């Protein structure tokens, strides 16, 4: 039995590793994806409450008529041509 080295190529052992290696790789891949999803969930800030969003929308609606009046006034002002400095 000299010269065979430290590995014995028993068919049962080979059959085990042919199945075990791809299963281990798949397991590590699933765990990696789970860790990535968990990290993303843990580091993402929470969204604003719906009440804040609706109050912001209402404030914008209240400000919108004032802005449109200012824009209309600017449009009504006559615009003169700029004189070139040549």
Protein backbone atom coordinates (compact mmCIF):
# COMPACT_ATOMS: atom_id res chain seq x y z
CA UNK A 1 0.00 0.00 0.00
CA UNK A 2 2.93 2.30 -0.33
CA UNK A 3 2.75 4.96 -3.00
CA UNK A 4 -1.00 5.53 -2.74
CA UNK A 5 -0.54 8.69 -0.68
CA UNK A 6 -2.92 9.97 1.91
CA UNK A 7 -6.01 9.81 -0.36
CA UNK A 8 -7.75 6.52 -0.94
CA UNK A 9 -10.11 6.67 -3.90
CA UNK A 10 -12.93 4.58 -2.52
CA UNK A 11 -16.00 4.83 -4.84
CA UNK A 12 -18.26 5.52 -1.86
CA UNK A 13 -16.05 8.43 -0.77
CA UNK A 14 -16.00 9.88 -4.28
CA UNK A 15 -19.78 9.53 -4.57
CA UNK A 16 -20.19 11.39 -1.25
CA UNK A 17 -17.98 14.34 -2.28
CA UNK A 18 -19.59 14.59 -5.74
CA UNK A 19 -22.88 15.29 -3.96
CA UNK A 20 -21.54 17.20 -0.94
CA UNK A 21 -19.52 19.87 -2.76
CA UNK A 22 -22.38 21.27 -4.96
CA UNK A 23 -24.80 21.10 -2.00
CA UNK A 24 -22.31 23.03 0.14
CA UNK A 25 -21.83 25.66 -2.59
CA UNK A 26 -25.61 26.06 -2.96
CA UNK A 27 -26.00 26.36 0.81
CA UNK A 28 -23.34 29.08 1.00
CA UNK A 29 -24.97 30.94 -1.90
CA UNK A 30 -28.39 30.89 -0.19
CA UNK A 31 -26.85 32.05 3.09
CA UNK A 32 -25.00 34.85 1.27
CA UNK A 33 -28.18 36.08 -0.40
CA UNK A 34 -29.97 35.96 2.97
CA UNK A 35 -27.18 37.97 4.59
CA UNK A 36 -27.33 40.53 1.79
CA UNK A 37 -31.11 40.93 2.17
CA UNK A 38 -30.76 41.19 5.96
CA UNK A 39 -28.01 43.80 5.71
CA UNK A 40 -30.10 45.83 3.26
CA UNK A 41 -33.13 45.70 5.54
CA UNK A 42 -31.07 46.61 8.62
CA UNK A 43 -29.34 49.61 7.04
CA UNK A 44 -32.28 51.09 5.08
CA UNK A 45 -33.94 53.97 6.96
CA UNK A 46 -37.66 53.59 7.65
CA UNK A 47 -40.06 55.42 5.33
CA UNK A 48 -41.93 58.53 6.43
CA UNK A 49 -45.30 57.92 8.06
CA UNK A 50 -48.26 58.38 5.71
CA UNK A 51 -49.55 61.26 7.85
CA UNK A 52 -46.42 63.33 7.13
CA UNK A 53 -46.65 62.65 3.41
CA UNK A 54 -50.32 63.70 3.24
CA UNK A 55 -49.63 66.87 5.24
CA UNK A 56 -46.76 67.76 2.85
CA UNK A 57 -49.05 67.26 -0.14
CA UNK A 58 -51.70 69.47 1.44
CA UNK A 59 -49.08 72.18 2.15
CA UNK A 60 -47.94 72.07 -1.48
CA UNK A 61 -51.54 72.42 -2.65
CA UNK A 62 -51.96 75.48 -0.43
CA UNK A 63 -48.72 77.02 -1.73
CA UNK A 64 -49.44 76.22 -5.36
CA UNK A 65 -52.08 78.99 -5.94
CA UNK A 66 -49.68 81.63 -4.58
CA UNK A 67 -46.90 80.41 -6.86
CA UNK A 68 -49.16 80.43 -9.91
CA UNK A 69 -50.21 84.02 -9.20
CA UNK A 70 -46.57 85.09 -8.96
CA UNK A 71 -45.75 83.31 -12.21
CA UNK A 72 -48.67 84.98 -14.00
CA UNK A 73 -47.53 88.41 -12.76
CA UNK A 74 -44.03 87.78 -14.08
CA UNK A 75 -45.43 86.79 -17.47
CA UNK A 76 -47.51 89.98 -17.67
CA UNK A 77 -44.46 92.22 -17.09
CA UNK A 78 -43.01 93.41 -20.39
CA UNK A 79 -39.56 92.07 -21.01
CA UNK A 80 -37.11 94.46 -22.60
CA UNK A 81 -34.29 93.35 -24.83
CA UNK A 82 -30.90 93.32 -23.18
CA UNK A 83 -28.37 95.68 -24.65
CA UNK A 84 -25.13 94.09 -25.62
CA UNK A 85 -21.93 95.57 -24.26
CA UNK A 86 -20.19 95.64 -27.68
